[in-house]
Amino acid sequence: MTSVDRDYSPDLSHDWSEDSCWIFGYGSLMWNHPEFESVEQHHADLNGYRRDLCMYSFMTRGTPELPGLCLGLTAAEGEACIGIAFRIESKKRDAAWKALQERENTPLVCYRAVTVQVSLRCDERRMRGDHSVSALVFLPLTSHVQYAGKLTDDEKLNILRDQDRRGTRGTSLEYLRMTIESLQKEVGIRDEYLDWLMLSSSTPNESLSQVT
């Protein structure tokens, strides 16, 4: 058993249904998930969190000396993150779980898998009263060296504007633009906070307090 298996395997019998399980995606998992096949999927709300550039990137969007930023979730009281909830058949969940571990935590273990309650945006399920489900989601490890959740918005903007912070796949600003475009095109989601970061990063020396 690897350290990832030992530390972050969920209690499948307790947290997930006997017949199926749900996975909540908030980033590229929503439109790119070759690791699993779903038998049902819906837009869903995860209360108390928001999408954020809260993880340092030391390779794909920056270097150890000049790190870039990439996506995660941060706690945000009174807010909700809109994502996609996927239902997976029980017989396929272990294989899906193993593949997702490799995707999210290779080569470094910087995310932890937890179960959360999400509210499905499905009229049929709401009418039946079963629109609230337990789902697996990957949250950033706040103790990890790559965690950047304590950065202020101005500090994030400075990183986004710094074209010297470039990794094997380009800059953080290019990553942010691609993420916003994919959210809108692939799953029809607009994220106001990411939109604001994109707009503000294109406006030199403008801080959050200056934007109305």
N, C-alpha and C. Protein backbone atom coordinates (compact mmCIF):
# COMPACT_ATOMS: atom_id res chain seq x y z
N MET A 1 0.85 -1.20 0.00
CA MET A 1 0.00 0.00 0.00
C MET A 1 0.88 1.25 0.00
N THR A 2 0.62 2.18 -0.90
CA THR A 2 1.40 3.40 -0.98
C THR A 2 0.99 4.36 0.11
N SER A 3 1.80 5.44 0.28
CA SER A 3 1.46 6.45 1.28
C SER A 3 0.16 7.15 0.93
N VAL A 4 -0.11 7.29 -0.38
CA VAL A 4 -1.37 7.92 -0.79
C VAL A 4 -2.54 7.05 -0.37
N ASP A 5 -2.44 5.73 -0.64
CA ASP A 5 -3.50 4.82 -0.24
C ASP A 5 -3.71 4.86 1.27
N ARG A 6 -2.62 4.83 2.01
CA ARG A 6 -2.70 4.76 3.46
C ARG A 6 -3.31 6.02 4.05
N ASP A 7 -2.94 7.18 3.55
CA ASP A 7 -3.35 8.43 4.17
C ASP A 7 -4.68 8.96 3.66
N TYR A 8 -5.04 8.66 2.42
CA TYR A 8 -6.16 9.38 1.83
C TYR A 8 -7.25 8.50 1.23
N SER A 9 -7.21 7.19 1.46
CA SER A 9 -8.30 6.35 0.96
C SER A 9 -9.57 6.62 1.76
N PRO A 10 -10.69 6.88 1.09
CA PRO A 10 -11.93 7.12 1.81
C PRO A 10 -12.53 5.82 2.31
N ASP A 11 -13.39 5.90 3.29
CA ASP A 11 -14.13 4.75 3.78
C ASP A 11 -15.30 4.52 2.84
N LEU A 12 -15.08 3.71 1.82
CA LEU A 12 -16.09 3.54 0.77
C LEU A 12 -17.40 3.00 1.31
N SER A 13 -17.34 2.07 2.24
CA SER A 13 -18.56 1.45 2.74
C SER A 13 -19.40 2.44 3.54
N HIS A 14 -18.75 3.44 4.13
CA HIS A 14 -19.47 4.39 4.97
C HIS A 14 -19.89 5.64 4.20
N ASP A 15 -18.98 6.18 3.40
CA ASP A 15 -19.22 7.47 2.77
C ASP A 15 -19.98 7.37 1.45
N TRP A 16 -19.89 6.24 0.80
CA TRP A 16 -20.51 6.11 -0.51
C TRP A 16 -21.62 5.08 -0.49
N SER A 17 -22.58 5.25 -1.36
CA SER A 17 -23.73 4.36 -1.45
C SER A 17 -23.29 2.95 -1.83
N GLU A 18 -24.10 1.96 -1.44
CA GLU A 18 -23.80 0.58 -1.81
C GLU A 18 -23.95 0.39 -3.32
N ASP A 19 -24.82 1.16 -3.93
CA ASP A 19 -25.11 0.97 -5.35
C ASP A 19 -24.27 1.85 -6.27
N SER A 20 -23.83 2.98 -5.78
CA SER A 20 -23.10 3.91 -6.64
C SER A 20 -22.33 4.89 -5.78
N CYS A 21 -21.55 5.74 -6.43
CA CYS A 21 -20.84 6.80 -5.72
C CYS A 21 -20.85 8.04 -6.60
N TRP A 22 -20.61 9.17 -5.98
CA TRP A 22 -20.57 10.44 -6.70
C TRP A 22 -19.19 11.07 -6.56
N ILE A 23 -18.75 11.71 -7.62
CA ILE A 23 -17.50 12.47 -7.63
C ILE A 23 -17.83 13.89 -8.06
N PHE A 24 -17.32 14.88 -7.32
CA PHE A 24 -17.57 16.28 -7.65
C PHE A 24 -16.34 16.88 -8.31
N GLY A 25 -16.52 17.37 -9.53
CA GLY A 25 -15.43 18.02 -10.25
C GLY A 25 -15.64 19.51 -10.33
N TYR A 26 -14.57 20.28 -10.16
CA TYR A 26 -14.68 21.74 -10.20
C TYR A 26 -13.69 22.38 -11.17
N GLY A 27 -12.78 21.57 -11.73
CA GLY A 27 -11.81 22.07 -12.69
C GLY A 27 -11.86 21.23 -13.96
N SER A 28 -10.69 20.88 -14.46
CA SER A 28 -10.63 20.16 -15.74
C SER A 28 -11.29 18.78 -15.67
N LEU A 29 -11.47 18.25 -14.47
CA LEU A 29 -12.16 16.97 -14.34
C LEU A 29 -13.56 17.02 -14.93
N MET A 30 -14.16 18.22 -14.97
CA MET A 30 -15.53 18.34 -15.48
C MET A 30 -15.62 18.03 -16.96
N TRP A 31 -14.59 18.35 -17.73
CA TRP A 31 -14.66 18.12 -19.18
C TRP A 31 -13.58 17.15 -19.69
N ASN A 32 -12.75 16.67 -18.80
CA ASN A 32 -11.70 15.73 -19.20
C ASN A 32 -11.54 14.69 -18.10
N HIS A 33 -12.25 13.58 -18.25
CA HIS A 33 -12.20 12.56 -17.19
C HIS A 33 -12.12 11.15 -17.79
N PRO A 34 -11.02 10.83 -18.45
CA PRO A 34 -10.86 9.48 -19.01
C PRO A 34 -10.73 8.41 -17.94
N GLU A 35 -10.54 8.83 -16.67
CA GLU A 35 -10.35 7.86 -15.59
C GLU A 35 -11.62 7.10 -15.22
N PHE A 36 -12.77 7.60 -15.63
CA PHE A 36 -14.01 6.93 -15.24
C PHE A 36 -15.13 7.22 -16.23
N GLU A 37 -16.13 6.36 -16.22
CA GLU A 37 -17.37 6.57 -16.97
C GLU A 37 -18.49 6.80 -15.97
N SER A 38 -19.33 7.77 -16.25
CA SER A 38 -20.44 8.06 -15.34
C SER A 38 -21.75 7.57 -15.93
N VAL A 39 -22.66 7.19 -15.05
CA VAL A 39 -23.99 6.77 -15.49
C VAL A 39 -25.01 7.90 -15.30
N GLU A 40 -24.56 8.98 -14.66
CA GLU A 40 -25.43 10.14 -14.44
C GLU A 40 -24.53 11.32 -14.09
N GLN A 41 -24.87 12.50 -14.56
CA GLN A 41 -24.11 13.69 -14.20
C GLN A 41 -25.01 14.91 -14.23
N HIS A 42 -24.74 15.83 -13.29
CA HIS A 42 -25.54 17.04 -13.17
C HIS A 42 -24.66 18.18 -12.68
N HIS A 43 -25.04 19.40 -13.05
CA HIS A 43 -24.45 20.55 -12.38
C HIS A 43 -24.83 20.46 -10.90
N ALA A 44 -23.92 20.90 -10.04
CA ALA A 44 -24.17 20.77 -8.60
C ALA A 44 -23.48 21.91 -7.85
N ASP A 45 -24.00 22.22 -6.66
CA ASP A 45 -23.45 23.28 -5.82
C ASP A 45 -22.77 22.67 -4.60
N LEU A 46 -21.55 23.13 -4.33
CA LEU A 46 -20.84 22.80 -3.10
C LEU A 46 -20.76 24.06 -2.26
N ASN A 47 -21.54 24.12 -1.20
CA ASN A 47 -21.60 25.32 -0.38
C ASN A 47 -20.35 25.47 0.48
N GLY A 48 -19.98 26.74 0.70
CA GLY A 48 -18.86 27.04 1.58
C GLY A 48 -17.50 27.02 0.94
N TYR A 49 -17.44 26.89 -0.40
CA TYR A 49 -16.16 26.86 -1.11
C TYR A 49 -16.25 27.68 -2.39
N ARG A 50 -15.08 28.05 -2.91
CA ARG A 50 -15.02 28.69 -4.22
C ARG A 50 -13.77 28.22 -4.95
N ARG A 51 -13.84 28.26 -6.28
CA ARG A 51 -12.65 28.01 -7.09
C ARG A 51 -11.64 29.11 -6.84
N ASP A 52 -10.36 28.73 -6.79
CA ASP A 52 -9.35 29.74 -6.49
C ASP A 52 -8.01 29.28 -7.07
N LEU A 53 -7.16 30.23 -7.36
CA LEU A 53 -5.77 29.92 -7.72
C LEU A 53 -4.99 29.81 -6.42
N CYS A 54 -5.12 28.67 -5.77
CA CYS A 54 -4.60 28.53 -4.40
C CYS A 54 -3.50 27.48 -4.29
N MET A 55 -2.95 27.04 -5.43
CA MET A 55 -1.85 26.09 -5.41
C MET A 55 -0.70 26.62 -6.26
N TYR A 56 0.51 26.56 -5.71
CA TYR A 56 1.69 26.92 -6.49
C TYR A 56 1.99 25.83 -7.51
N SER A 57 2.46 26.25 -8.66
CA SER A 57 2.92 25.32 -9.69
C SER A 57 4.42 25.50 -9.87
N PHE A 58 5.19 24.44 -9.61
CA PHE A 58 6.64 24.50 -9.71
C PHE A 58 7.16 23.95 -11.03
N MET A 59 6.26 23.46 -11.87
CA MET A 59 6.72 22.85 -13.12
C MET A 59 5.91 23.32 -14.32
N THR A 60 4.60 23.05 -14.35
CA THR A 60 3.82 23.32 -15.56
C THR A 60 3.57 24.80 -15.80
N ARG A 61 3.44 25.59 -14.72
CA ARG A 61 3.15 27.02 -14.87
C ARG A 61 4.17 27.91 -14.17
N GLY A 62 5.28 27.33 -13.77
CA GLY A 62 6.32 28.10 -13.11
C GLY A 62 7.50 27.21 -12.77
N THR A 63 8.37 27.71 -11.92
CA THR A 63 9.54 26.96 -11.47
C THR A 63 9.62 27.07 -9.95
N PRO A 64 10.48 26.27 -9.30
CA PRO A 64 10.63 26.41 -7.85
C PRO A 64 11.07 27.82 -7.44
N GLU A 65 11.86 28.47 -8.29
CA GLU A 65 12.32 29.83 -7.98
C GLU A 65 11.25 30.87 -8.27
N LEU A 66 10.49 30.68 -9.33
CA LEU A 66 9.42 31.60 -9.72
C LEU A 66 8.14 30.79 -9.96
N PRO A 67 7.48 30.37 -8.89
CA PRO A 67 6.30 29.51 -9.05
C PRO A 67 5.12 30.23 -9.67
N GLY A 68 4.33 29.47 -10.42
CA GLY A 68 3.07 29.98 -10.93
C GLY A 68 1.93 29.53 -10.04
N LEU A 69 0.71 29.64 -10.54
CA LEU A 69 -0.47 29.27 -9.76
C LEU A 69 -1.37 28.34 -10.56
N CYS A 70 -2.07 27.46 -9.84
CA CYS A 70 -3.06 26.60 -10.47
C CYS A 70 -4.27 26.43 -9.55
N LEU A 71 -5.25 25.70 -10.03
CA LEU A 71 -6.58 25.71 -9.42
C LEU A 71 -6.72 24.77 -8.23
N GLY A 72 -7.58 25.20 -7.30
CA GLY A 72 -8.00 24.38 -6.17
C GLY A 72 -9.28 24.98 -5.61
N LEU A 73 -9.69 24.51 -4.45
CA LEU A 73 -10.84 25.08 -3.75
C LEU A 73 -10.37 25.67 -2.43
N THR A 74 -10.93 26.82 -2.07
CA THR A 74 -10.69 27.40 -0.76
C THR A 74 -12.02 27.62 -0.06
N ALA A 75 -11.98 27.56 1.27
CA ALA A 75 -13.19 27.80 2.05
C ALA A 75 -13.64 29.24 1.87
N ALA A 76 -14.94 29.44 1.68
CA ALA A 76 -15.49 30.78 1.46
C ALA A 76 -16.90 30.82 2.03
N GLU A 77 -17.01 31.38 3.22
CA GLU A 77 -18.30 31.42 3.90
C GLU A 77 -19.33 32.20 3.08
N GLY A 78 -20.50 31.63 2.94
CA GLY A 78 -21.57 32.29 2.21
C GLY A 78 -21.52 32.14 0.71
N GLU A 79 -20.49 31.48 0.19
CA GLU A 79 -20.37 31.27 -1.25
C GLU A 79 -20.63 29.81 -1.61
N ALA A 80 -20.70 29.53 -2.88
CA ALA A 80 -20.89 28.16 -3.36
C ALA A 80 -20.15 27.98 -4.67
N CYS A 81 -19.55 26.83 -4.84
CA CYS A 81 -18.85 26.49 -6.08
C CYS A 81 -19.77 25.62 -6.93
N ILE A 82 -20.02 26.07 -8.15
CA ILE A 82 -20.81 25.28 -9.09
C ILE A 82 -19.86 24.36 -9.85
N GLY A 83 -20.15 23.07 -9.83
CA GLY A 83 -19.34 22.10 -10.55
C GLY A 83 -20.21 21.04 -11.19
N ILE A 84 -19.61 19.91 -11.48
CA ILE A 84 -20.34 18.78 -12.04
C ILE A 84 -20.19 17.58 -11.11
N ALA A 85 -21.32 16.97 -10.76
CA ALA A 85 -21.31 15.74 -9.95
C ALA A 85 -21.56 14.56 -10.88
N PHE A 86 -20.67 13.57 -10.79
CA PHE A 86 -20.75 12.37 -11.63
C PHE A 86 -21.11 11.17 -10.75
N ARG A 87 -22.09 10.39 -11.19
CA ARG A 87 -22.42 9.15 -10.47
C ARG A 87 -21.76 7.97 -11.18
N ILE A 88 -21.05 7.17 -10.39
CA ILE A 88 -20.31 6.02 -10.91
C ILE A 88 -20.89 4.75 -10.32
N GLU A 89 -20.98 3.72 -11.12
CA GLU A 89 -21.47 2.43 -10.64
C GLU A 89 -20.55 1.88 -9.55
N SER A 90 -21.16 1.22 -8.58
CA SER A 90 -20.40 0.69 -7.45
C SER A 90 -19.26 -0.22 -7.89
N LYS A 91 -19.51 -1.06 -8.89
CA LYS A 91 -18.49 -2.03 -9.31
C LYS A 91 -17.28 -1.37 -9.97
N LYS A 92 -17.42 -0.10 -10.36
CA LYS A 92 -16.32 0.59 -11.03
C LYS A 92 -15.64 1.64 -10.15
N ARG A 93 -16.12 1.80 -8.92
CA ARG A 93 -15.64 2.93 -8.12
C ARG A 93 -14.20 2.75 -7.65
N ASP A 94 -13.78 1.51 -7.32
CA ASP A 94 -12.42 1.31 -6.85
C ASP A 94 -11.39 1.64 -7.93
N ALA A 95 -11.68 1.22 -9.17
CA ALA A 95 -10.78 1.52 -10.28
C ALA A 95 -10.75 3.02 -10.55
N ALA A 96 -11.91 3.66 -10.46
CA ALA A 96 -11.97 5.11 -10.66
C ALA A 96 -11.20 5.83 -9.58
N TRP A 97 -11.34 5.37 -8.34
CA TRP A 97 -10.64 6.00 -7.22
C TRP A 97 -9.13 5.91 -7.39
N LYS A 98 -8.63 4.74 -7.78
CA LYS A 98 -7.19 4.57 -7.97
C LYS A 98 -6.68 5.49 -9.07
N ALA A 99 -7.41 5.57 -10.16
CA ALA A 99 -6.99 6.41 -11.28
C ALA A 99 -7.01 7.89 -10.90
N LEU A 100 -8.00 8.30 -10.12
CA LEU A 100 -8.08 9.70 -9.70
C LEU A 100 -6.95 10.05 -8.74
N GLN A 101 -6.57 9.13 -7.87
CA GLN A 101 -5.43 9.37 -6.99
C GLN A 101 -4.18 9.67 -7.82
N GLU A 102 -3.96 8.84 -8.83
CA GLU A 102 -2.78 9.02 -9.67
C GLU A 102 -2.83 10.35 -10.41
N ARG A 103 -4.02 10.73 -10.85
CA ARG A 103 -4.17 11.99 -11.58
C ARG A 103 -3.91 13.20 -10.69
N GLU A 104 -4.49 13.21 -9.50
CA GLU A 104 -4.44 14.38 -8.64
C GLU A 104 -3.18 14.45 -7.79
N ASN A 105 -2.57 13.32 -7.49
CA ASN A 105 -1.46 13.31 -6.53
C ASN A 105 -0.19 12.69 -7.07
N THR A 106 0.07 12.85 -8.36
CA THR A 106 1.31 12.41 -8.97
C THR A 106 1.99 13.62 -9.62
N PRO A 107 3.25 13.90 -9.31
CA PRO A 107 4.16 13.08 -8.50
C PRO A 107 4.09 13.39 -7.00
N LEU A 108 3.42 14.48 -6.59
CA LEU A 108 3.39 14.88 -5.18
C LEU A 108 1.98 14.75 -4.62
N VAL A 109 1.90 14.38 -3.36
CA VAL A 109 0.60 14.31 -2.69
C VAL A 109 0.27 15.69 -2.15
N CYS A 110 -0.47 16.48 -2.91
CA CYS A 110 -0.80 17.85 -2.48
C CYS A 110 -2.30 18.09 -2.38
N TYR A 111 -3.10 17.06 -2.67
CA TYR A 111 -4.55 17.15 -2.50
C TYR A 111 -5.02 16.00 -1.61
N ARG A 112 -6.09 16.22 -0.85
CA ARG A 112 -6.68 15.16 -0.04
C ARG A 112 -8.12 14.93 -0.49
N ALA A 113 -8.52 13.69 -0.48
CA ALA A 113 -9.88 13.34 -0.89
C ALA A 113 -10.79 13.32 0.33
N VAL A 114 -11.89 14.05 0.26
CA VAL A 114 -12.86 14.08 1.34
C VAL A 114 -14.26 13.93 0.74
N THR A 115 -15.21 13.53 1.57
CA THR A 115 -16.59 13.47 1.13
C THR A 115 -17.33 14.71 1.61
N VAL A 116 -18.14 15.26 0.74
CA VAL A 116 -18.89 16.48 1.03
C VAL A 116 -20.32 16.30 0.54
N GLN A 117 -21.22 17.15 1.01
CA GLN A 117 -22.59 17.16 0.52
C GLN A 117 -22.70 18.18 -0.61
N VAL A 118 -23.22 17.75 -1.73
CA VAL A 118 -23.46 18.66 -2.85
C VAL A 118 -24.94 18.60 -3.21
N SER A 119 -25.44 19.70 -3.74
CA SER A 119 -26.84 19.80 -4.13
C SER A 119 -26.95 19.76 -5.65
N LEU A 120 -27.58 18.73 -6.17
CA LEU A 120 -27.69 18.55 -7.62
C LEU A 120 -28.70 19.53 -8.20
N ARG A 121 -28.33 20.15 -9.32
CA ARG A 121 -29.25 21.03 -10.04
C ARG A 121 -30.04 20.20 -11.04
N CYS A 122 -30.92 19.39 -10.51
CA CYS A 122 -31.72 18.47 -11.33
C CYS A 122 -33.16 18.56 -10.85
N ASP A 123 -34.04 19.08 -11.70
CA ASP A 123 -35.43 19.27 -11.30
C ASP A 123 -36.10 17.96 -10.90
N GLU A 124 -35.82 16.89 -11.65
CA GLU A 124 -36.44 15.60 -11.34
C GLU A 124 -36.05 15.11 -9.96
N ARG A 125 -34.76 15.23 -9.64
CA ARG A 125 -34.30 14.79 -8.32
C ARG A 125 -34.82 15.70 -7.22
N ARG A 126 -34.92 16.98 -7.49
CA ARG A 126 -35.46 17.91 -6.49
C ARG A 126 -36.92 17.57 -6.18
N MET A 127 -37.68 17.20 -7.19
CA MET A 127 -39.07 16.82 -6.97
C MET A 127 -39.17 15.55 -6.12
N ARG A 128 -38.18 14.65 -6.29
CA ARG A 128 -38.19 13.42 -5.51
C ARG A 128 -37.57 13.62 -4.13
N GLY A 129 -36.88 14.75 -3.94
CA GLY A 129 -36.25 15.02 -2.66
C GLY A 129 -34.92 14.33 -2.44
N ASP A 130 -34.28 13.85 -3.52
CA ASP A 130 -32.99 13.17 -3.37
C ASP A 130 -31.89 13.89 -4.14
N HIS A 131 -31.94 15.22 -4.13
CA HIS A 131 -30.96 16.01 -4.88
C HIS A 131 -29.70 16.30 -4.07
N SER A 132 -29.71 16.03 -2.76
CA SER A 132 -28.52 16.22 -1.93
C SER A 132 -27.80 14.89 -1.79
N VAL A 133 -26.55 14.83 -2.26
CA VAL A 133 -25.81 13.56 -2.26
C VAL A 133 -24.41 13.77 -1.68
N SER A 134 -23.83 12.68 -1.17
CA SER A 134 -22.44 12.70 -0.72
C SER A 134 -21.54 12.46 -1.92
N ALA A 135 -20.52 13.28 -2.06
CA ALA A 135 -19.62 13.16 -3.21
C ALA A 135 -18.17 13.27 -2.76
N LEU A 136 -17.31 12.62 -3.50
CA LEU A 136 -15.88 12.69 -3.26
C LEU A 136 -15.31 13.91 -3.98
N VAL A 137 -14.49 14.69 -3.29
CA VAL A 137 -13.86 15.85 -3.90
C VAL A 137 -12.42 15.94 -3.42
N PHE A 138 -11.54 16.45 -4.27
CA PHE A 138 -10.14 16.63 -3.90
C PHE A 138 -9.91 18.08 -3.48
N LEU A 139 -9.50 18.26 -2.21
CA LEU A 139 -9.21 19.58 -1.67
C LEU A 139 -7.71 19.74 -1.46
N PRO A 140 -7.18 20.95 -1.61
CA PRO A 140 -5.75 21.16 -1.39
C PRO A 140 -5.35 20.86 0.04
N LEU A 141 -4.17 20.29 0.21
CA LEU A 141 -3.60 20.11 1.54
C LEU A 141 -3.03 21.46 1.99
N THR A 142 -3.62 22.05 3.01
CA THR A 142 -3.19 23.39 3.43
C THR A 142 -1.81 23.39 4.06
N SER A 143 -1.31 22.21 4.45
CA SER A 143 0.03 22.13 5.05
C SER A 143 1.12 21.88 4.01
N HIS A 144 0.72 21.70 2.75
CA HIS A 144 1.68 21.37 1.70
C HIS A 144 2.43 22.61 1.25
N VAL A 145 3.68 22.42 0.82
CA VAL A 145 4.51 23.53 0.38
C VAL A 145 3.92 24.22 -0.85
N GLN A 146 3.08 23.52 -1.60
CA GLN A 146 2.48 24.12 -2.80
C GLN A 146 1.21 24.90 -2.50
N TYR A 147 0.73 24.86 -1.26
CA TYR A 147 -0.50 25.57 -0.95
C TYR A 147 -0.26 27.07 -0.96
N ALA A 148 -1.10 27.78 -1.71
CA ALA A 148 -0.95 29.24 -1.86
C ALA A 148 -2.21 29.97 -1.43
N GLY A 149 -3.01 29.33 -0.60
CA GLY A 149 -4.29 29.89 -0.21
C GLY A 149 -4.22 31.13 0.66
N LYS A 150 -3.04 31.44 1.19
CA LYS A 150 -2.90 32.62 2.04
C LYS A 150 -2.49 33.87 1.26
N LEU A 151 -2.29 33.72 -0.04
CA LEU A 151 -1.95 34.89 -0.86
C LEU A 151 -3.12 35.86 -0.92
N THR A 152 -2.82 37.15 -0.92
CA THR A 152 -3.86 38.14 -1.13
C THR A 152 -4.19 38.21 -2.62
N ASP A 153 -5.29 38.86 -2.95
CA ASP A 153 -5.63 39.01 -4.36
C ASP A 153 -4.57 39.81 -5.11
N ASP A 154 -4.02 40.83 -4.47
CA ASP A 154 -2.98 41.62 -5.13
C ASP A 154 -1.74 40.78 -5.41
N GLU A 155 -1.39 39.89 -4.48
CA GLU A 155 -0.23 39.02 -4.70
C GLU A 155 -0.49 38.04 -5.84
N LYS A 156 -1.71 37.54 -5.94
CA LYS A 156 -2.05 36.66 -7.06
C LYS A 156 -1.95 37.40 -8.38
N LEU A 157 -2.44 38.64 -8.39
CA LEU A 157 -2.38 39.43 -9.63
C LEU A 157 -0.95 39.69 -10.05
N ASN A 158 -0.07 39.94 -9.10
CA ASN A 158 1.34 40.16 -9.42
C ASN A 158 1.95 38.92 -10.07
N ILE A 159 1.59 37.75 -9.57
CA ILE A 159 2.09 36.50 -10.16
C ILE A 159 1.53 36.31 -11.56
N LEU A 160 0.24 36.58 -11.74
CA LEU A 160 -0.39 36.43 -13.05
C LEU A 160 0.23 37.36 -14.08
N ARG A 161 0.63 38.54 -13.66
CA ARG A 161 1.19 39.53 -14.59
C ARG A 161 2.66 39.28 -14.91
N ASP A 162 3.33 38.46 -14.12
CA ASP A 162 4.76 38.24 -14.26
C ASP A 162 5.02 37.20 -15.35
N GLN A 163 5.42 37.64 -16.52
CA GLN A 163 5.65 36.74 -17.65
C GLN A 163 6.92 35.91 -17.50
N ASP A 164 7.76 36.24 -16.51
CA ASP A 164 8.95 35.42 -16.25
C ASP A 164 8.60 34.13 -15.51
N ARG A 165 7.41 34.09 -14.93
CA ARG A 165 6.96 32.89 -14.23
C ARG A 165 6.31 31.95 -15.25
N ARG A 166 7.14 31.21 -15.89
CA ARG A 166 6.69 30.35 -17.00
C ARG A 166 7.17 28.93 -16.77
N GLY A 167 6.26 27.96 -16.98
CA GLY A 167 6.62 26.56 -16.82
C GLY A 167 6.58 25.81 -18.13
N THR A 168 6.53 24.49 -18.04
CA THR A 168 6.57 23.67 -19.25
C THR A 168 5.33 23.83 -20.12
N ARG A 169 4.23 24.31 -19.53
CA ARG A 169 2.99 24.51 -20.30
C ARG A 169 2.60 25.97 -20.41
N GLY A 170 3.51 26.87 -20.06
CA GLY A 170 3.22 28.29 -20.21
C GLY A 170 3.06 29.00 -18.88
N THR A 171 2.36 30.13 -18.91
CA THR A 171 2.21 30.98 -17.74
C THR A 171 0.90 30.71 -17.00
N SER A 172 0.82 31.27 -15.79
CA SER A 172 -0.42 31.16 -15.00
C SER A 172 -1.56 31.90 -15.67
N LEU A 173 -1.25 33.02 -16.32
CA LEU A 173 -2.29 33.80 -17.00
C LEU A 173 -2.88 33.00 -18.16
N GLU A 174 -2.03 32.30 -18.89
CA GLU A 174 -2.53 31.44 -19.98
C GLU A 174 -3.39 30.31 -19.41
N TYR A 175 -2.98 29.77 -18.28
CA TYR A 175 -3.75 28.71 -17.62
C TYR A 175 -5.11 29.23 -17.17
N LEU A 176 -5.13 30.43 -16.59
CA LEU A 176 -6.38 31.03 -16.13
C LEU A 176 -7.32 31.27 -17.31
N ARG A 177 -6.80 31.81 -18.40
CA ARG A 177 -7.62 32.07 -19.59
C ARG A 177 -8.20 30.76 -20.14
N MET A 178 -7.39 29.72 -20.21
CA MET A 178 -7.85 28.43 -20.71
C MET A 178 -8.93 27.85 -19.80
N THR A 179 -8.74 27.99 -18.49
CA THR A 179 -9.72 27.47 -17.53
C THR A 179 -11.06 28.17 -17.68
N ILE A 180 -11.04 29.49 -17.77
CA ILE A 180 -12.28 30.27 -17.92
C ILE A 180 -12.99 29.89 -19.21
N GLU A 181 -12.24 29.80 -20.31
CA GLU A 181 -12.84 29.45 -21.59
C GLU A 181 -13.45 28.05 -21.56
N SER A 182 -12.76 27.10 -20.93
CA SER A 182 -13.27 25.74 -20.86
C SER A 182 -14.49 25.64 -19.96
N LEU A 183 -14.49 26.38 -18.85
CA LEU A 183 -15.66 26.40 -17.97
C LEU A 183 -16.90 26.84 -18.74
N GLN A 184 -16.74 27.88 -19.54
CA GLN A 184 -17.89 28.43 -20.27
C GLN A 184 -18.28 27.54 -21.45
N LYS A 185 -17.30 27.12 -22.23
CA LYS A 185 -17.58 26.37 -23.45
C LYS A 185 -18.00 24.94 -23.18
N GLU A 186 -17.31 24.27 -22.27
CA GLU A 186 -17.53 22.83 -22.08
C GLU A 186 -18.69 22.52 -21.14
N VAL A 187 -18.87 23.34 -20.08
CA VAL A 187 -19.90 23.00 -19.09
C VAL A 187 -20.84 24.16 -18.78
N GLY A 188 -20.69 25.30 -19.48
CA GLY A 188 -21.62 26.40 -19.33
C GLY A 188 -21.60 27.08 -17.97
N ILE A 189 -20.41 27.19 -17.37
CA ILE A 189 -20.28 27.80 -16.05
C ILE A 189 -19.49 29.10 -16.15
N ARG A 190 -20.01 30.15 -15.55
CA ARG A 190 -19.29 31.41 -15.40
C ARG A 190 -18.84 31.53 -13.95
N ASP A 191 -17.58 31.81 -13.74
CA ASP A 191 -17.04 31.97 -12.39
C ASP A 191 -16.64 33.42 -12.21
N GLU A 192 -17.38 34.15 -11.40
CA GLU A 192 -17.16 35.59 -11.26
C GLU A 192 -15.78 35.91 -10.71
N TYR A 193 -15.30 35.12 -9.76
CA TYR A 193 -14.00 35.41 -9.16
C TYR A 193 -12.87 35.20 -10.17
N LEU A 194 -12.91 34.10 -10.89
CA LEU A 194 -11.88 33.87 -11.91
C LEU A 194 -11.97 34.91 -13.02
N ASP A 195 -13.19 35.30 -13.38
CA ASP A 195 -13.36 36.37 -14.38
C ASP A 195 -12.72 37.66 -13.89
N TRP A 196 -12.91 37.96 -12.59
CA TRP A 196 -12.33 39.18 -12.04
C TRP A 196 -10.81 39.13 -12.06
N LEU A 197 -10.23 37.97 -11.71
CA LEU A 197 -8.78 37.83 -11.75
C LEU A 197 -8.26 38.04 -13.16
N MET A 198 -8.97 37.49 -14.14
CA MET A 198 -8.56 37.63 -15.54
C MET A 198 -8.60 39.09 -15.97
N LEU A 199 -9.69 39.76 -15.67
CA LEU A 199 -9.84 41.16 -16.04
C LEU A 199 -8.80 42.03 -15.35
N SER A 200 -8.61 41.81 -14.06
CA SER A 200 -7.71 42.65 -13.29
C SER A 200 -6.25 42.41 -13.64
N SER A 201 -5.91 41.17 -14.01
CA SER A 201 -4.52 40.88 -14.37
C SER A 201 -4.14 41.54 -15.68
N SER A 202 -5.14 41.91 -16.47
CA SER A 202 -4.88 42.61 -17.73
C SER A 202 -4.82 44.12 -17.55
N THR A 203 -5.08 44.56 -16.31
CA THR A 203 -5.05 45.99 -15.99
C THR A 203 -3.90 46.24 -15.03
N PRO A 204 -2.75 46.71 -15.51
CA PRO A 204 -1.56 46.86 -14.67
C PRO A 204 -1.81 47.72 -13.44
N ASN A 205 -1.23 47.25 -12.32
CA ASN A 205 -1.20 48.02 -11.07
C ASN A 205 -2.59 48.36 -10.53
N GLU A 206 -3.56 47.51 -10.82
CA GLU A 206 -4.90 47.75 -10.28
C GLU A 206 -5.19 46.72 -9.21
N SER A 207 -5.51 47.16 -8.01
CA SER A 207 -5.76 46.27 -6.90
C SER A 207 -7.24 46.04 -6.74
N LEU A 208 -7.58 45.10 -5.86
CA LEU A 208 -8.97 44.79 -5.61
C LEU A 208 -9.73 46.00 -5.10
N SER A 209 -9.10 46.82 -4.28
CA SER A 209 -9.78 47.98 -3.71
C SER A 209 -10.10 49.03 -4.75
N GLN A 210 -9.43 48.95 -5.91
CA GLN A 210 -9.65 49.95 -6.95
C GLN A 210 -10.70 49.51 -7.96
N VAL A 211 -11.13 48.24 -7.87
CA VAL A 211 -12.08 47.71 -8.83
C VAL A 211 -13.47 47.76 -8.23
N THR A 212 -14.43 48.31 -8.96
CA THR A 212 -15.80 48.39 -8.45
C THR A 212 -16.70 47.53 -9.31
